[in-house]
């Protein structure tokens, strides 16, 4: 009673995701990532052939190695239930 039907999540979601709680105002991701609804589910450095597994160490290394450059993040949005690439 009062419940809606459930929606299936995309089958390609990983076991680990990093929840976006906020973005820095001057960062390139400010305005393109939606805090509280977005989850980082994958990393891909510019020019890489395969997607890296997501963990905090890999994210920190990727951000350090590509400071001032372009980084592509695979993002799942819980509100729209869609996966997108962010750079």
C-alpha atoms as a PDB file:
ATOM      1  CA  UNK A   1       0.000   0.000   0.000  1.00  0.00           C
ATOM      2  CA  UNK A   2       1.464   3.310  -1.082  1.00  0.00           C
ATOM      3  CA  UNK A   3       4.515   1.696  -2.630  1.00  0.00           C
ATOM      4  CA  UNK A   4       5.589   2.152  -6.218  1.00  0.00           C
ATOM      5  CA  UNK A   5       7.051  -0.573  -8.363  1.00  0.00           C
ATOM      6  CA  UNK A   6      10.811  -0.998  -8.144  1.00  0.00           C
ATOM      7  CA  UNK A   7      13.108  -0.066 -10.995  1.00  0.00           C
ATOM      8  CA  UNK A   8      15.933  -2.355 -12.115  1.00  0.00           C
ATOM      9  CA  UNK A   9      19.380  -0.859 -11.868  1.00  0.00           C
ATOM     10  CA  UNK A  10      21.743  -1.160 -14.823  1.00  0.00           C
ATOM     11  CA  UNK A  11      23.502  -4.526 -14.701  1.00  0.00           C
ATOM     12  CA  UNK A  12      26.878  -2.888 -15.326  1.00  0.00           C
ATOM     13  CA  UNK A  13      27.107  -1.278 -11.871  1.00  0.00           C
ATOM     14  CA  UNK A  14      30.229  -2.274  -9.926  1.00  0.00           C
ATOM     15  CA  UNK A  15      30.354  -3.476  -6.328  1.00  0.00           C
ATOM     16  CA  UNK A  16      32.250  -0.337  -5.259  1.00  0.00           C
ATOM     17  CA  UNK A  17      31.256   3.296  -5.881  1.00  0.00           C
ATOM     18  CA  UNK A  18      32.391   6.589  -4.371  1.00  0.00           C
ATOM     19  CA  UNK A  19      29.512   8.883  -3.374  1.00  0.00           C
ATOM     20  CA  UNK A  20      29.856  12.515  -4.513  1.00  0.00           C
ATOM     21  CA  UNK A  21      29.046  14.711  -1.517  1.00  0.00           C
ATOM     22  CA  UNK A  22      30.333  18.032  -2.850  1.00  0.00           C
ATOM     23  CA  UNK A  23      32.592  19.607  -5.445  1.00  0.00           C
ATOM     24  CA  UNK A  24      34.992  22.514  -5.082  1.00  0.00           C
ATOM     25  CA  UNK A  25      33.567  25.729  -6.550  1.00  0.00           C
ATOM     26  CA  UNK A  26      36.566  26.374  -8.816  1.00  0.00           C
ATOM     27  CA  UNK A  27      36.951  22.774  -9.990  1.00  0.00           C
ATOM     28  CA  UNK A  28      36.136  21.607 -13.533  1.00  0.00           C
ATOM     29  CA  UNK A  29      33.566  19.178 -12.106  1.00  0.00           C
ATOM     30  CA  UNK A  30      31.607  21.912 -10.300  1.00  0.00           C
ATOM     31  CA  UNK A  31      28.216  22.082 -11.972  1.00  0.00           C
ATOM     32  CA  UNK A  32      28.627  18.838 -13.908  1.00  0.00           C
ATOM     33  CA  UNK A  33      28.561  16.470 -10.931  1.00  0.00           C
ATOM     34  CA  UNK A  34      25.376  16.360  -8.882  1.00  0.00           C
ATOM     35  CA  UNK A  35      26.189  15.989  -5.160  1.00  0.00           C
ATOM     36  CA  UNK A  36      24.223  13.333  -3.262  1.00  0.00           C
ATOM     37  CA  UNK A  37      22.867  11.752  -6.478  1.00  0.00           C
ATOM     38  CA  UNK A  38      26.125  10.993  -8.322  1.00  0.00           C
ATOM     39  CA  UNK A  39      28.431   8.065  -7.627  1.00  0.00           C
ATOM     40  CA  UNK A  40      31.858   7.609  -9.218  1.00  0.00           C
ATOM     41  CA  UNK A  41      31.900   4.065 -10.570  1.00  0.00           C
ATOM     42  CA  UNK A  42      34.914   4.090 -12.868  1.00  0.00           C
ATOM     43  CA  UNK A  43      38.062   5.921 -13.935  1.00  0.00           C
ATOM     44  CA  UNK A  44      39.641   6.347 -17.325  1.00  0.00           C
ATOM     45  CA  UNK A  45      42.745   8.428 -17.855  1.00  0.00           C
ATOM     46  CA  UNK A  46      43.104  10.243 -21.158  1.00  0.00           C
ATOM     47  CA  UNK A  47      44.586   7.904 -23.735  1.00  0.00           C
ATOM     48  CA  UNK A  48      44.196   4.753 -21.637  1.00  0.00           C
ATOM     49  CA  UNK A  49      43.098   1.617 -23.461  1.00  0.00           C
ATOM     50  CA  UNK A  50      41.114   0.052 -20.651  1.00  0.00           C
ATOM     51  CA  UNK A  51      39.108   1.343 -17.749  1.00  0.00           C
ATOM     52  CA  UNK A  52      40.842   1.262 -14.368  1.00  0.00           C
ATOM     53  CA  UNK A  53      39.188  -0.272 -11.336  1.00  0.00           C
ATOM     54  CA  UNK A  54      37.837   2.281  -8.897  1.00  0.00           C
ATOM     55  CA  UNK A  55      39.432   2.732  -5.506  1.00  0.00           C
ATOM     56  CA  UNK A  56      40.570   5.750  -3.543  1.00  0.00           C
ATOM     57  CA  UNK A  57      44.263   5.135  -4.282  1.00  0.00           C
ATOM     58  CA  UNK A  58      43.649   4.884  -8.038  1.00  0.00           C
ATOM     59  CA  UNK A  59      41.518   8.036  -7.968  1.00  0.00           C
ATOM     60  CA  UNK A  60      44.158   9.986  -6.017  1.00  0.00           C
ATOM     61  CA  UNK A  61      46.939   8.824  -8.384  1.00  0.00           C
ATOM     62  CA  UNK A  62      44.882   9.598 -11.486  1.00  0.00           C
ATOM     63  CA  UNK A  63      44.071  13.104 -10.240  1.00  0.00           C
ATOM     64  CA  UNK A  64      47.702  13.783  -9.291  1.00  0.00           C
ATOM     65  CA  UNK A  65      49.104  12.430 -12.567  1.00  0.00           C
ATOM     66  CA  UNK A  66      46.615  14.431 -14.655  1.00  0.00           C
ATOM     67  CA  UNK A  67      46.555  17.703 -12.716  1.00  0.00           C
ATOM     68  CA  UNK A  68      45.669  20.448 -15.169  1.00  0.00           C
ATOM     69  CA  UNK A  69      44.662  17.848 -17.762  1.00  0.00           C
ATOM     70  CA  UNK A  70      41.521  15.984 -18.704  1.00  0.00           C
ATOM     71  CA  UNK A  71      40.203  13.045 -16.670  1.00  0.00           C
ATOM     72  CA  UNK A  72      37.174  10.987 -17.606  1.00  0.00           C
ATOM     73  CA  UNK A  73      35.063   9.665 -14.753  1.00  0.00           C
ATOM     74  CA  UNK A  74      32.312   7.107 -15.183  1.00  0.00           C
ATOM     75  CA  UNK A  75      29.376   8.382 -13.103  1.00  0.00           C
ATOM     76  CA  UNK A  76      26.116   6.732 -12.028  1.00  0.00           C
ATOM     77  CA  UNK A  77      23.255   9.118 -11.179  1.00  0.00           C
ATOM     78  CA  UNK A  78      20.794   7.625  -8.692  1.00  0.00           C
ATOM     79  CA  UNK A  79      18.067  10.137  -9.542  1.00  0.00           C
ATOM     80  CA  UNK A  80      18.007   9.463 -13.299  1.00  0.00           C
ATOM     81  CA  UNK A  81      19.318   5.870 -12.913  1.00  0.00           C
ATOM     82  CA  UNK A  82      21.765   6.458 -15.785  1.00  0.00           C
ATOM     83  CA  UNK A  83      25.485   6.031 -16.290  1.00  0.00           C
ATOM     84  CA  UNK A  84      27.463   8.770 -18.014  1.00  0.00           C
ATOM     85  CA  UNK A  85      31.063   9.773 -18.651  1.00  0.00           C
ATOM     86  CA  UNK A  86      32.253  13.062 -17.145  1.00  0.00           C
ATOM     87  CA  UNK A  87      35.416  14.924 -17.939  1.00  0.00           C
END
